[in-house]
Amino acid sequence: MAYGTPAWHSRARADGYNHLMAALADRCPADLVDLSRLRAGDLDDLLAEEQLTWRSTLTWDFSASAELVRRYLAIRGLTGCALVDNGRVLGYCYYVVEDRKGIIGDLFVRRDRDSAFNEDRILTSVLHTLISTPGVERIEAQLMMMHGPFERALPMARFGAFFPRQLMIADLQEIAGRLPFLLGTATPVIEPWSSAHEDAAARIIAAAYREHIDSSINDQYRTLAGARNFLYNAVTYPGGGSFYPPASFLAFGPSHQPAGVVLASIVAPHTGHVTQVCVAPEWKGKGLGYELVRRSVEALAASGCEKASLTVTAANRKAVNLYQSMGFRAVRRFAAYVWEGF
């Protein structure tokens, strides 16, 4: 009786072969091409793979963001570069410039060419372009879909800093209806989200993140004007999912003083995301953050969501512990990056 090669051995050999071929291919680097030189459909295959990656690793639907990328590419309005080998786009990165800051929106390389070498080539090109752009003093990258280890020394490392973060997910079918109400006697008034709350929410964000580690990651948190801009983007654009008002709330203390805010979005069918939760300094440690998240996930569950996700900076141990106590579990590590002082 003849025996074939075990399936696991075949897969291992195939994986080894693929990595060898990728390594050999990287020795003959592909071309870096400005995104303005690409045609509307040139990124379609790459974006389709990225959509699958976002869904499998983050449980997020990337299709709305992919459509925006296609739309801006079609009108030559997408700034960044792509790695192209014999007409095949291997990876890309795009960015925007706001005031004195460059924001890297995304970086993605195909799985069969996902080496740190290729990621760094693309990132180096974008960083050089941004650093040489008049007026740009700071560069931020919040969530790049990179395959390589984020602990590695990145391009322009002497100007850079990285902040480990976690994506956490909760099974709403397990926790919905089982999280107790824990607020004490000083119970604030919690109201459903309304556009009339935008200014109050911005004031809470600016106050809550003063001298907080997250204000090192996103400098919009440092000022009221920046917080207003952050809030506008979170409510208006689909990059972090579609804003979902029924799972977003604002809390008010005595004399109707803004006390806390939670924002939520829908990031995929049956998956919600807690986009933002913060409380005013005088309300910290009183259970308000917990209550806002509890109400948000209950509302997401009531809408038909089966899972809820959120992201948190790993160094923010109080927040990590809070979310773990509520049933959230870390499923992916990534990093936020900042370059400045160049």
C-alpha atoms as a PDB file:
ATOM      1  CA  MET A   1       0.000   0.000   0.000  1.00  0.00           C
ATOM      2  CA  ALA A   2       1.484   3.337  -1.040  1.00  0.00           C
ATOM      3  CA  TYR A   3       1.408   6.329   1.274  1.00  0.00           C
ATOM      4  CA  GLY A   4       1.465   9.941   0.126  1.00  0.00           C
ATOM      5  CA  THR A   5       3.201  12.827   1.862  1.00  0.00           C
ATOM      6  CA  PRO A   6       1.339  13.837   5.048  1.00  0.00           C
ATOM      7  CA  ALA A   7      -0.890  16.896   4.526  1.00  0.00           C
ATOM      8  CA  TRP A   8       0.826  18.913   7.254  1.00  0.00           C
ATOM      9  CA  HIS A   9       4.220  18.194   5.695  1.00  0.00           C
ATOM     10  CA  SER A  10       2.989  19.320   2.285  1.00  0.00           C
ATOM     11  CA  ARG A  11       1.665  22.558   3.716  1.00  0.00           C
ATOM     12  CA  ALA A  12       4.881  23.202   5.612  1.00  0.00           C
ATOM     13  CA  ARG A  13       6.946  22.537   2.507  1.00  0.00           C
ATOM     14  CA  ALA A  14       4.672  24.803   0.443  1.00  0.00           C
ATOM     15  CA  ASP A  15       4.888  27.592   3.026  1.00  0.00           C
ATOM     16  CA  GLY A  16       8.668  27.271   3.091  1.00  0.00           C
ATOM     17  CA  TYR A  17       8.793  27.374  -0.686  1.00  0.00           C
ATOM     18  CA  ASN A  18       6.557  30.469  -0.804  1.00  0.00           C
ATOM     19  CA  HIS A  19       8.696  32.320   1.724  1.00  0.00           C
ATOM     20  CA  LEU A  20      11.835  31.347  -0.191  1.00  0.00           C
ATOM     21  CA  MET A  21      10.343  32.640  -3.431  1.00  0.00           C
ATOM     22  CA  ALA A  22       9.303  35.875  -1.722  1.00  0.00           C
ATOM     23  CA  ALA A  23      12.795  36.316  -0.301  1.00  0.00           C
ATOM     24  CA  LEU A  24      14.361  35.704  -3.710  1.00  0.00           C
ATOM     25  CA  ALA A  25      11.910  38.099  -5.334  1.00  0.00           C
ATOM     26  CA  ASP A  26      12.811  40.795  -2.821  1.00  0.00           C
ATOM     27  CA  ARG A  27      16.416  40.602  -3.983  1.00  0.00           C
ATOM     28  CA  CYS A  28      15.182  42.007  -7.296  1.00  0.00           C
ATOM     29  CA  PRO A  29      13.075  44.860  -5.922  1.00  0.00           C
ATOM     30  CA  ALA A  30       9.932  45.950  -7.662  1.00  0.00           C
ATOM     31  CA  ASP A  31       9.393  49.563  -8.691  1.00  0.00           C
ATOM     32  CA  LEU A  32       8.020  52.271  -6.437  1.00  0.00           C
ATOM     33  CA  VAL A  33       5.342  54.171  -8.329  1.00  0.00           C
ATOM     34  CA  ASP A  34       3.442  57.295  -7.327  1.00  0.00           C
ATOM     35  CA  LEU A  35      -0.252  56.523  -6.845  1.00  0.00           C
ATOM     36  CA  SER A  36      -1.145  59.316  -9.255  1.00  0.00           C
ATOM     37  CA  ARG A  37       0.272  57.156 -12.073  1.00  0.00           C
ATOM     38  CA  LEU A  38      -2.114  54.268 -11.426  1.00  0.00           C
ATOM     39  CA  ARG A  39      -5.415  53.775 -13.195  1.00  0.00           C
ATOM     40  CA  ALA A  40      -8.755  53.342 -11.438  1.00  0.00           C
ATOM     41  CA  GLY A  41      -8.767  49.532 -11.495  1.00  0.00           C
ATOM     42  CA  ASP A  42      -5.093  48.892 -10.783  1.00  0.00           C
ATOM     43  CA  LEU A  43      -5.661  48.383  -7.060  1.00  0.00           C
ATOM     44  CA  ASP A  44      -8.758  46.196  -7.333  1.00  0.00           C
ATOM     45  CA  ASP A  45      -7.045  42.844  -6.712  1.00  0.00           C
ATOM     46  CA  LEU A  46      -4.944  44.241  -3.895  1.00  0.00           C
ATOM     47  CA  LEU A  47      -7.935  45.876  -2.220  1.00  0.00           C
ATOM     48  CA  ALA A  48      -9.922  42.647  -2.501  1.00  0.00           C
ATOM     49  CA  GLU A  49      -7.158  40.833  -0.623  1.00  0.00           C
ATOM     50  CA  GLU A  50      -6.991  43.612   1.943  1.00  0.00           C
ATOM     51  CA  GLN A  51     -10.735  43.365   2.535  1.00  0.00           C
ATOM     52  CA  LEU A  52     -10.344  39.663   3.312  1.00  0.00           C
ATOM     53  CA  THR A  53      -7.441  40.437   5.654  1.00  0.00           C
ATOM     54  CA  TRP A  54      -9.383  43.055   7.587  1.00  0.00           C
ATOM     55  CA  ARG A  55     -12.332  40.711   7.916  1.00  0.00           C
ATOM     56  CA  SER A  56     -10.261  37.730   9.072  1.00  0.00           C
ATOM     57  CA  THR A  57      -7.933  39.591  11.463  1.00  0.00           C
ATOM     58  CA  LEU A  58     -10.115  42.425  12.791  1.00  0.00           C
ATOM     59  CA  THR A  59     -13.646  41.222  11.917  1.00  0.00           C
ATOM     60  CA  TRP A  60     -14.057  44.601  10.202  1.00  0.00           C
ATOM     61  CA  ASP A  61     -15.585  45.284   6.805  1.00  0.00           C
ATOM     62  CA  PHE A  62     -13.032  47.291   4.812  1.00  0.00           C
ATOM     63  CA  SER A  63     -15.259  47.689   1.758  1.00  0.00           C
ATOM     64  CA  ALA A  64     -16.321  51.305   2.444  1.00  0.00           C
ATOM     65  CA  SER A  65     -12.698  52.363   2.919  1.00  0.00           C
ATOM     66  CA  ALA A  66     -11.691  50.426  -0.199  1.00  0.00           C
ATOM     67  CA  GLU A  67     -14.357  52.240  -2.174  1.00  0.00           C
ATOM     68  CA  LEU A  68     -13.012  55.602  -0.999  1.00  0.00           C
ATOM     69  CA  VAL A  69      -9.522  54.551  -2.091  1.00  0.00           C
ATOM     70  CA  ARG A  70     -10.853  53.609  -5.539  1.00  0.00           C
ATOM     71  CA  ARG A  71     -12.794  56.859  -5.836  1.00  0.00           C
ATOM     72  CA  TYR A  72      -9.828  59.077  -4.990  1.00  0.00           C
ATOM     73  CA  LEU A  73      -7.521  57.023  -7.198  1.00  0.00           C
ATOM     74  CA  ALA A  74      -9.904  57.489 -10.125  1.00  0.00           C
ATOM     75  CA  ILE A  75      -9.738  61.289  -9.820  1.00  0.00           C
ATOM     76  CA  ARG A  76      -5.958  61.279  -9.184  1.00  0.00           C
ATOM     77  CA  GLY A  77      -6.616  62.527  -5.661  1.00  0.00           C
ATOM     78  CA  LEU A  78      -4.851  59.746  -3.728  1.00  0.00           C
ATOM     79  CA  THR A  79      -1.390  60.664  -2.459  1.00  0.00           C
ATOM     80  CA  GLY A  80       1.142  57.942  -1.723  1.00  0.00           C
ATOM     81  CA  CYS A  81       2.996  55.209  -3.549  1.00  0.00           C
ATOM     82  CA  ALA A  82       2.667  51.620  -4.707  1.00  0.00           C
ATOM     83  CA  LEU A  83       5.098  48.766  -5.173  1.00  0.00           C
ATOM     84  CA  VAL A  84       4.679  47.385  -8.699  1.00  0.00           C
ATOM     85  CA  ASP A  85       6.283  44.311 -10.248  1.00  0.00           C
ATOM     86  CA  ASN A  86       5.653  43.685 -13.967  1.00  0.00           C
ATOM     87  CA  GLY A  87       2.356  45.512 -13.831  1.00  0.00           C
ATOM     88  CA  ARG A  88       1.171  43.762 -10.663  1.00  0.00           C
ATOM     89  CA  VAL A  89       0.627  45.991  -7.630  1.00  0.00           C
ATOM     90  CA  LEU A  90       2.225  44.275  -4.638  1.00  0.00           C
ATOM     91  CA  GLY A  91       1.426  46.871  -2.001  1.00  0.00           C
ATOM     92  CA  TYR A  92       0.514  50.475  -1.409  1.00  0.00           C
ATOM     93  CA  CYS A  93       0.411  53.259   1.137  1.00  0.00           C
ATOM     94  CA  TYR A  94      -1.550  56.485   1.093  1.00  0.00           C
ATOM     95  CA  TYR A  95      -1.472  59.590   3.247  1.00  0.00           C
ATOM     96  CA  VAL A  96      -3.115  62.962   3.753  1.00  0.00           C
ATOM     97  CA  VAL A  97      -1.723  66.246   5.032  1.00  0.00           C
ATOM     98  CA  GLU A  98      -3.738  68.283   7.524  1.00  0.00           C
ATOM     99  CA  ASP A  99      -2.334  71.571   8.749  1.00  0.00           C
ATOM    100  CA  ARG A 100       1.228  70.736   9.852  1.00  0.00           C
ATOM    101  CA  LYS A 101       0.721  66.985  10.134  1.00  0.00           C
ATOM    102  CA  GLY A 102       0.978  64.047   7.771  1.00  0.00           C
ATOM    103  CA  ILE A 103      -1.396  61.152   8.467  1.00  0.00           C
ATOM    104  CA  ILE A 104      -0.608  57.748   6.981  1.00  0.00           C
ATOM    105  CA  GLY A 105      -3.994  56.225   6.265  1.00  0.00           C
ATOM    106  CA  ASP A 106      -2.960  52.695   5.386  1.00  0.00           C
ATOM    107  CA  LEU A 107      -0.102  50.427   4.340  1.00  0.00           C
ATOM    108  CA  PHE A 108      -0.759  46.979   2.932  1.00  0.00           C
ATOM    109  CA  VAL A 109       1.342  44.409   1.051  1.00  0.00           C
ATOM    110  CA  ARG A 110       0.097  41.203  -0.544  1.00  0.00           C
ATOM    111  CA  ARG A 111       0.529  38.074   1.527  1.00  0.00           C
ATOM    112  CA  ASP A 112       2.859  36.450  -1.033  1.00  0.00           C
ATOM    113  CA  ARG A 113       5.222  39.447  -0.865  1.00  0.00           C
ATOM    114  CA  ASP A 114       4.648  40.593   2.714  1.00  0.00           C
ATOM    115  CA  SER A 115       8.247  40.889   3.849  1.00  0.00           C
ATOM    116  CA  ALA A 116       9.419  43.614   6.228  1.00  0.00           C
ATOM    117  CA  PHE A 117      11.743  44.659   3.394  1.00  0.00           C
ATOM    118  CA  ASN A 118       8.835  45.500   1.078  1.00  0.00           C
ATOM    119  CA  GLU A 119       6.818  47.174   3.821  1.00  0.00           C
ATOM    120  CA  ASP A 120       9.803  49.318   4.777  1.00  0.00           C
ATOM    121  CA  ARG A 121      10.504  50.308   1.159  1.00  0.00           C
ATOM    122  CA  ILE A 122       6.991  51.666   0.790  1.00  0.00           C
ATOM    123  CA  LEU A 123       6.999  53.337   4.199  1.00  0.00           C
ATOM    124  CA  THR A 124      10.421  54.921   3.612  1.00  0.00           C
ATOM    125  CA  SER A 125       9.209  56.481   0.372  1.00  0.00           C
ATOM    126  CA  VAL A 126       6.124  57.959   2.033  1.00  0.00           C
ATOM    127  CA  LEU A 127       8.102  59.254   5.028  1.00  0.00           C
ATOM    128  CA  HIS A 128      10.686  60.933   2.785  1.00  0.00           C
ATOM    129  CA  THR A 129       7.890  62.622   0.835  1.00  0.00           C
ATOM    130  CA  LEU A 130       6.124  63.852   3.979  1.00  0.00           C
ATOM    131  CA  ILE A 131       9.299  65.031   5.699  1.00  0.00           C
ATOM    132  CA  SER A 132      10.207  67.060   2.616  1.00  0.00           C
ATOM    133  CA  THR A 133       6.711  68.581   2.395  1.00  0.00           C
ATOM    134  CA  PRO A 134       6.880  72.239   3.481  1.00  0.00           C
ATOM    135  CA  GLY A 135       5.131  72.840   6.801  1.00  0.00           C
ATOM    136  CA  VAL A 136       4.836  69.197   7.895  1.00  0.00           C
ATOM    137  CA  GLU A 137       6.210  68.865  11.436  1.00  0.00           C
ATOM    138  CA  ARG A 138       4.667  65.594  12.584  1.00  0.00           C
ATOM    139  CA  ILE A 139       3.602  62.265  11.043  1.00  0.00           C
ATOM    140  CA  GLU A 140       1.097  59.851  12.577  1.00  0.00           C
ATOM    141  CA  ALA A 141       0.079  56.311  11.641  1.00  0.00           C
ATOM    142  CA  GLN A 142      -2.748  54.893  13.724  1.00  0.00           C
ATOM    143  CA  LEU A 143      -3.566  51.532  12.143  1.00  0.00           C
ATOM    144  CA  MET A 144      -1.407  50.187   9.323  1.00  0.00           C
ATOM    145  CA  MET A 145      -2.220  46.643   8.215  1.00  0.00           C
ATOM    146  CA  MET A 146       1.404  45.528   8.351  1.00  0.00           C
ATOM    147  CA  HIS A 147       2.409  41.863   8.498  1.00  0.00           C
ATOM    148  CA  GLY A 148       5.939  42.327   9.798  1.00  0.00           C
ATOM    149  CA  PRO A 149       6.702  42.631  13.526  1.00  0.00           C
ATOM    150  CA  PHE A 150       5.980  46.120  14.791  1.00  0.00           C
ATOM    151  CA  GLU A 151       8.828  45.912  17.323  1.00  0.00           C
ATOM    152  CA  ARG A 152      11.392  46.121  14.520  1.00  0.00           C
ATOM    153  CA  ALA A 153      13.314  49.321  13.866  1.00  0.00           C
ATOM    154  CA  LEU A 154      11.225  51.196  11.336  1.00  0.00           C
ATOM    155  CA  PRO A 155      12.456  53.691   8.747  1.00  0.00           C
ATOM    156  CA  MET A 156      13.429  57.079  10.194  1.00  0.00           C
ATOM    157  CA  ALA A 157      13.628  55.413  13.611  1.00  0.00           C
ATOM    158  CA  ARG A 158      15.623  58.297  15.109  1.00  0.00           C
ATOM    159  CA  PHE A 159      12.557  60.490  14.704  1.00  0.00           C
ATOM    160  CA  GLY A 160      10.007  57.845  15.550  1.00  0.00           C
ATOM    161  CA  ALA A 161       8.194  56.299  18.474  1.00  0.00           C
ATOM    162  CA  PHE A 162       5.813  53.366  18.537  1.00  0.00           C
ATOM    163  CA  PHE A 163       2.983  52.651  20.950  1.00  0.00           C
ATOM    164  CA  PRO A 164       1.818  49.036  21.286  1.00  0.00           C
ATOM    165  CA  ARG A 165      -1.942  48.691  21.114  1.00  0.00           C
ATOM    166  CA  GLN A 166      -4.490  45.891  21.333  1.00  0.00           C
ATOM    167  CA  LEU A 167      -7.618  45.040  19.426  1.00  0.00           C
ATOM    168  CA  MET A 168     -10.104  43.521  21.865  1.00  0.00           C
ATOM    169  CA  ILE A 169     -13.335  41.707  20.992  1.00  0.00           C
ATOM    170  CA  ALA A 170     -16.306  40.657  23.122  1.00  0.00           C
ATOM    171  CA  ASP A 171     -18.943  38.082  22.265  1.00  0.00           C
ATOM    172  CA  LEU A 172     -22.160  40.004  22.821  1.00  0.00           C
ATOM    173  CA  GLN A 173     -24.173  36.811  22.968  1.00  0.00           C
ATOM    174  CA  GLU A 174     -22.223  35.971  26.129  1.00  0.00           C
ATOM    175  CA  ILE A 175     -22.181  39.344  27.899  1.00  0.00           C
ATOM    176  CA  ALA A 176     -25.318  41.185  26.774  1.00  0.00           C
ATOM    177  CA  GLY A 177     -27.779  41.507  29.625  1.00  0.00           C
ATOM    178  CA  ARG A 178     -25.275  40.166  32.166  1.00  0.00           C
ATOM    179  CA  LEU A 179     -23.216  43.282  32.923  1.00  0.00           C
ATOM    180  CA  PRO A 180     -24.502  44.843  36.159  1.00  0.00           C
ATOM    181  CA  PHE A 181     -25.237  48.507  36.745  1.00  0.00           C
ATOM    182  CA  LEU A 182     -22.458  49.691  39.064  1.00  0.00           C
ATOM    183  CA  LEU A 183     -22.765  53.471  39.346  1.00  0.00           C
ATOM    184  CA  GLY A 184     -23.067  54.689  42.903  1.00  0.00           C
ATOM    185  CA  THR A 185     -25.171  57.452  44.364  1.00  0.00           C
ATOM    186  CA  ALA A 186     -23.578  60.195  42.248  1.00  0.00           C
ATOM    187  CA  THR A 187     -25.419  59.038  39.152  1.00  0.00           C
ATOM    188  CA  PRO A 188     -25.036  61.279  36.101  1.00  0.00           C
ATOM    189  CA  VAL A 189     -27.738  61.783  33.524  1.00  0.00           C
ATOM    190  CA  ILE A 190     -26.914  59.725  30.421  1.00  0.00           C
ATOM    191  CA  GLU A 191     -28.544  60.855  27.200  1.00  0.00           C
ATOM    192  CA  PRO A 192     -28.673  59.284  23.726  1.00  0.00           C
ATOM    193  CA  TRP A 193     -26.353  60.849  21.171  1.00  0.00           C
ATOM    194  CA  SER A 194     -27.525  63.974  19.387  1.00  0.00           C
ATOM    195  CA  SER A 195     -25.710  66.334  17.044  1.00  0.00           C
ATOM    196  CA  ALA A 196     -26.433  68.999  19.658  1.00  0.00           C
ATOM    197  CA  HIS A 197     -23.949  67.168  21.921  1.00  0.00           C
ATOM    198  CA  GLU A 198     -20.943  67.596  19.636  1.00  0.00           C
ATOM    199  CA  ASP A 199     -19.437  70.603  21.403  1.00  0.00           C
ATOM    200  CA  ALA A 200     -19.902  69.033  24.859  1.00  0.00           C
ATOM    201  CA  ALA A 201     -18.332  65.785  23.624  1.00  0.00           C
ATOM    202  CA  ALA A 202     -15.332  67.652  22.204  1.00  0.00           C
ATOM    203  CA  ARG A 203     -14.812  69.378  25.558  1.00  0.00           C
ATOM    204  CA  ILE A 204     -14.847  66.027  27.364  1.00  0.00           C
ATOM    205  CA  ILE A 205     -12.322  64.537  24.908  1.00  0.00           C
ATOM    206  CA  ALA A 206      -9.919  67.469  25.265  1.00  0.00           C
ATOM    207  CA  ALA A 207     -10.143  67.408  29.066  1.00  0.00           C
ATOM    208  CA  ALA A 208      -9.952  63.612  29.443  1.00  0.00           C
ATOM    209  CA  TYR A 209      -6.828  63.207  27.312  1.00  0.00           C
ATOM    210  CA  ARG A 210      -4.823  66.053  28.806  1.00  0.00           C
ATOM    211  CA  GLU A 211      -1.402  64.518  29.631  1.00  0.00           C
ATOM    212  CA  HIS A 212      -2.758  61.073  28.693  1.00  0.00           C
ATOM    213  CA  ILE A 213      -0.584  58.666  26.677  1.00  0.00           C
ATOM    214  CA  ASP A 214      -3.106  58.663  23.838  1.00  0.00           C
ATOM    215  CA  SER A 215      -2.509  62.375  23.272  1.00  0.00           C
ATOM    216  CA  SER A 216       1.043  61.368  22.292  1.00  0.00           C
ATOM    217  CA  ILE A 217      -0.459  59.135  19.604  1.00  0.00           C
ATOM    218  CA  ASN A 218      -3.100  61.558  18.316  1.00  0.00           C
ATOM    219  CA  ASP A 219      -2.303  65.217  18.878  1.00  0.00           C
ATOM    220  CA  GLN A 220      -5.916  66.165  18.106  1.00  0.00           C
ATOM    221  CA  TYR A 221      -6.702  65.173  21.681  1.00  0.00           C
ATOM    222  CA  ARG A 222      -4.536  68.005  23.030  1.00  0.00           C
ATOM    223  CA  THR A 223      -6.785  70.930  22.084  1.00  0.00           C
ATOM    224  CA  LEU A 224     -10.479  71.687  21.892  1.00  0.00           C
ATOM    225  CA  ALA A 225     -10.184  72.538  18.188  1.00  0.00           C
ATOM    226  CA  GLY A 226      -8.407  69.235  17.552  1.00  0.00           C
ATOM    227  CA  ALA A 227     -11.021  67.305  19.519  1.00  0.00           C
ATOM    228  CA  ARG A 228     -13.765  68.913  17.446  1.00  0.00           C
ATOM    229  CA  ASN A 229     -11.979  67.845  14.263  1.00  0.00           C
ATOM    230  CA  PHE A 230     -11.512  64.303  15.571  1.00  0.00           C
ATOM    231  CA  LEU A 231     -15.192  64.099  16.481  1.00  0.00           C
ATOM    232  CA  TYR A 232     -16.273  65.411  13.078  1.00  0.00           C
ATOM    233  CA  ASN A 233     -14.175  62.780  11.305  1.00  0.00           C
ATOM    234  CA  ALA A 234     -15.411  59.970  13.589  1.00  0.00           C
ATOM    235  CA  VAL A 235     -19.056  60.859  12.942  1.00  0.00           C
ATOM    236  CA  THR A 236     -18.738  61.684   9.244  1.00  0.00           C
ATOM    237  CA  TYR A 237     -16.274  59.304   7.593  1.00  0.00           C
ATOM    238  CA  PRO A 238     -16.410  55.482   7.346  1.00  0.00           C
ATOM    239  CA  GLY A 239     -12.723  54.770   8.047  1.00  0.00           C
ATOM    240  CA  GLY A 240     -13.598  53.370  11.483  1.00  0.00           C
ATOM    241  CA  GLY A 241     -16.959  52.018  10.387  1.00  0.00           C
ATOM    242  CA  SER A 242     -20.304  53.790  10.035  1.00  0.00           C
ATOM    243  CA  PHE A 243     -21.125  55.918  13.060  1.00  0.00           C
ATOM    244  CA  TYR A 244     -24.010  54.390  15.011  1.00  0.00           C
ATOM    245  CA  PRO A 245     -25.896  56.956  17.129  1.00  0.00           C
ATOM    246  CA  PRO A 246     -28.164  54.454  18.999  1.00  0.00           C
ATOM    247  CA  ALA A 247     -25.071  52.988  20.743  1.00  0.00           C
ATOM    248  CA  SER A 248     -23.480  56.381  21.443  1.00  0.00           C
ATOM    249  CA  PHE A 249     -24.186  58.355  24.633  1.00  0.00           C
ATOM    250  CA  LEU A 250     -23.239  61.490  26.511  1.00  0.00           C
ATOM    251  CA  ALA A 251     -23.269  61.778  30.305  1.00  0.00           C
ATOM    252  CA  PHE A 252     -23.947  64.984  32.243  1.00  0.00           C
ATOM    253  CA  GLY A 253     -23.272  65.723  35.881  1.00  0.00           C
ATOM    254  CA  PRO A 254     -24.813  68.376  38.160  1.00  0.00           C
ATOM    255  CA  SER A 255     -25.760  71.640  36.437  1.00  0.00           C
ATOM    256  CA  HIS A 256     -25.631  69.714  33.144  1.00  0.00           C
ATOM    257  CA  GLN A 257     -21.821  69.710  33.090  1.00  0.00           C
ATOM    258  CA  PRO A 258     -20.446  67.258  30.453  1.00  0.00           C
ATOM    259  CA  ALA A 259     -19.104  64.187  32.267  1.00  0.00           C
ATOM    260  CA  GLY A 260     -18.423  61.430  29.739  1.00  0.00           C
ATOM    261  CA  VAL A 261     -18.940  60.237  26.183  1.00  0.00           C
ATOM    262  CA  VAL A 262     -18.997  56.943  24.303  1.00  0.00           C
ATOM    263  CA  LEU A 263     -19.137  56.676  20.519  1.00  0.00           C
ATOM    264  CA  ALA A 264     -19.874  53.513  18.546  1.00  0.00           C
ATOM    265  CA  SER A 265     -19.892  52.417  14.938  1.00  0.00           C
ATOM    266  CA  ILE A 266     -20.826  49.415  12.834  1.00  0.00           C
ATOM    267  CA  VAL A 267     -17.691  47.954  11.255  1.00  0.00           C
ATOM    268  CA  ALA A 268     -19.130  44.803   9.661  1.00  0.00           C
ATOM    269  CA  PRO A 269     -22.421  42.920   9.498  1.00  0.00           C
ATOM    270  CA  HIS A 270     -23.185  41.875  13.076  1.00  0.00           C
ATOM    271  CA  THR A 271     -20.051  43.585  14.454  1.00  0.00           C
ATOM    272  CA  GLY A 272     -19.994  46.866  16.347  1.00  0.00           C
ATOM    273  CA  HIS A 273     -17.031  48.903  17.499  1.00  0.00           C
ATOM    274  CA  VAL A 274     -16.633  51.192  20.506  1.00  0.00           C
ATOM    275  CA  THR A 275     -14.841  54.023  18.765  1.00  0.00           C
ATOM    276  CA  GLN A 276     -14.257  56.280  21.757  1.00  0.00           C
ATOM    277  CA  VAL A 277     -14.941  56.298  25.477  1.00  0.00           C
ATOM    278  CA  CYS A 278     -13.659  58.903  27.899  1.00  0.00           C
ATOM    279  CA  VAL A 279     -14.764  60.705  31.049  1.00  0.00           C
ATOM    280  CA  ALA A 280     -13.987  64.122  32.470  1.00  0.00           C
ATOM    281  CA  PRO A 281     -11.171  64.132  35.059  1.00  0.00           C
ATOM    282  CA  GLU A 282     -13.523  64.746  37.992  1.00  0.00           C
ATOM    283  CA  TRP A 283     -15.534  61.637  37.065  1.00  0.00           C
ATOM    284  CA  LYS A 284     -12.665  59.184  36.752  1.00  0.00           C
ATOM    285  CA  GLY A 285     -12.727  56.251  39.142  1.00  0.00           C
ATOM    286  CA  LYS A 286     -16.483  56.477  39.722  1.00  0.00           C
ATOM    287  CA  GLY A 287     -17.613  53.786  37.291  1.00  0.00           C
ATOM    288  CA  LEU A 288     -18.852  56.132  34.586  1.00  0.00           C
ATOM    289  CA  GLY A 289     -16.540  54.727  31.903  1.00  0.00           C
ATOM    290  CA  TYR A 290     -17.797  51.218  32.667  1.00  0.00           C
ATOM    291  CA  GLU A 291     -21.437  52.345  32.512  1.00  0.00           C
ATOM    292  CA  LEU A 292     -20.966  54.109  29.172  1.00  0.00           C
ATOM    293  CA  VAL A 293     -19.346  51.025  27.628  1.00  0.00           C
ATOM    294  CA  ARG A 294     -22.047  48.800  29.164  1.00  0.00           C
ATOM    295  CA  ARG A 295     -24.825  50.859  27.617  1.00  0.00           C
ATOM    296  CA  SER A 296     -23.039  50.966  24.269  1.00  0.00           C
ATOM    297  CA  VAL A 297     -22.543  47.192  24.003  1.00  0.00           C
ATOM    298  CA  GLU A 298     -26.120  46.569  25.166  1.00  0.00           C
ATOM    299  CA  ALA A 299     -27.350  48.859  22.393  1.00  0.00           C
ATOM    300  CA  LEU A 300     -25.119  47.129  19.852  1.00  0.00           C
ATOM    301  CA  ALA A 301     -26.470  43.741  20.937  1.00  0.00           C
ATOM    302  CA  ALA A 302     -30.045  45.032  20.669  1.00  0.00           C
ATOM    303  CA  SER A 303     -29.306  46.133  17.087  1.00  0.00           C
ATOM    304  CA  GLY A 304     -28.356  42.580  16.119  1.00  0.00           C
ATOM    305  CA  CYS A 305     -24.582  42.767  16.585  1.00  0.00           C
ATOM    306  CA  GLU A 306     -23.009  39.516  17.731  1.00  0.00           C
ATOM    307  CA  LYS A 307     -19.574  40.955  18.521  1.00  0.00           C
ATOM    308  CA  ALA A 308     -18.135  44.261  19.654  1.00  0.00           C
ATOM    309  CA  SER A 309     -14.542  45.402  19.276  1.00  0.00           C
ATOM    310  CA  LEU A 310     -12.426  48.241  20.589  1.00  0.00           C
ATOM    311  CA  THR A 311      -8.790  49.289  20.523  1.00  0.00           C
ATOM    312  CA  VAL A 312      -6.739  50.341  23.529  1.00  0.00           C
ATOM    313  CA  THR A 313      -3.157  51.384  24.168  1.00  0.00           C
ATOM    314  CA  ALA A 314      -1.390  48.547  25.986  1.00  0.00           C
ATOM    315  CA  ALA A 315       0.214  50.931  28.507  1.00  0.00           C
ATOM    316  CA  ASN A 316      -3.248  52.069  29.623  1.00  0.00           C
ATOM    317  CA  ARG A 317      -3.548  49.171  32.065  1.00  0.00           C
ATOM    318  CA  LYS A 318      -6.614  50.506  33.886  1.00  0.00           C
ATOM    319  CA  ALA A 319      -8.575  50.580  30.653  1.00  0.00           C
ATOM    320  CA  VAL A 320      -7.285  47.155  29.571  1.00  0.00           C
ATOM    321  CA  ASN A 321      -8.293  45.655  32.921  1.00  0.00           C
ATOM    322  CA  LEU A 322     -11.717  47.296  32.749  1.00  0.00           C
ATOM    323  CA  TYR A 323     -12.434  45.899  29.295  1.00  0.00           C
ATOM    324  CA  GLN A 324     -11.220  42.446  30.308  1.00  0.00           C
ATOM    325  CA  SER A 325     -13.562  42.498  33.300  1.00  0.00           C
ATOM    326  CA  MET A 326     -16.426  43.224  30.907  1.00  0.00           C
ATOM    327  CA  GLY A 327     -15.660  40.238  28.685  1.00  0.00           C
ATOM    328  CA  PHE A 328     -13.376  41.762  26.046  1.00  0.00           C
ATOM    329  CA  ARG A 329     -10.368  39.664  25.022  1.00  0.00           C
ATOM    330  CA  ALA A 330      -7.257  40.797  23.147  1.00  0.00           C
ATOM    331  CA  VAL A 331      -7.101  39.148  19.717  1.00  0.00           C
ATOM    332  CA  ARG A 332      -4.455  41.180  17.888  1.00  0.00           C
ATOM    333  CA  ARG A 333      -1.469  43.361  18.738  1.00  0.00           C
ATOM    334  CA  PHE A 334      -0.523  46.271  16.534  1.00  0.00           C
ATOM    335  CA  ALA A 335       1.096  49.648  17.007  1.00  0.00           C
ATOM    336  CA  ALA A 336       0.535  53.331  16.472  1.00  0.00           C
ATOM    337  CA  TYR A 337       3.550  55.278  15.190  1.00  0.00           C
ATOM    338  CA  VAL A 338       4.644  58.891  15.416  1.00  0.00           C
ATOM    339  CA  TRP A 339       7.547  60.668  13.736  1.00  0.00           C
ATOM    340  CA  GLU A 340       8.521  64.224  14.682  1.00  0.00           C
ATOM    341  CA  GLY A 341      11.538  66.419  15.348  1.00  0.00           C
ATOM    342  CA  PHE A 342      12.917  65.910  11.842  1.00  0.00           C
END
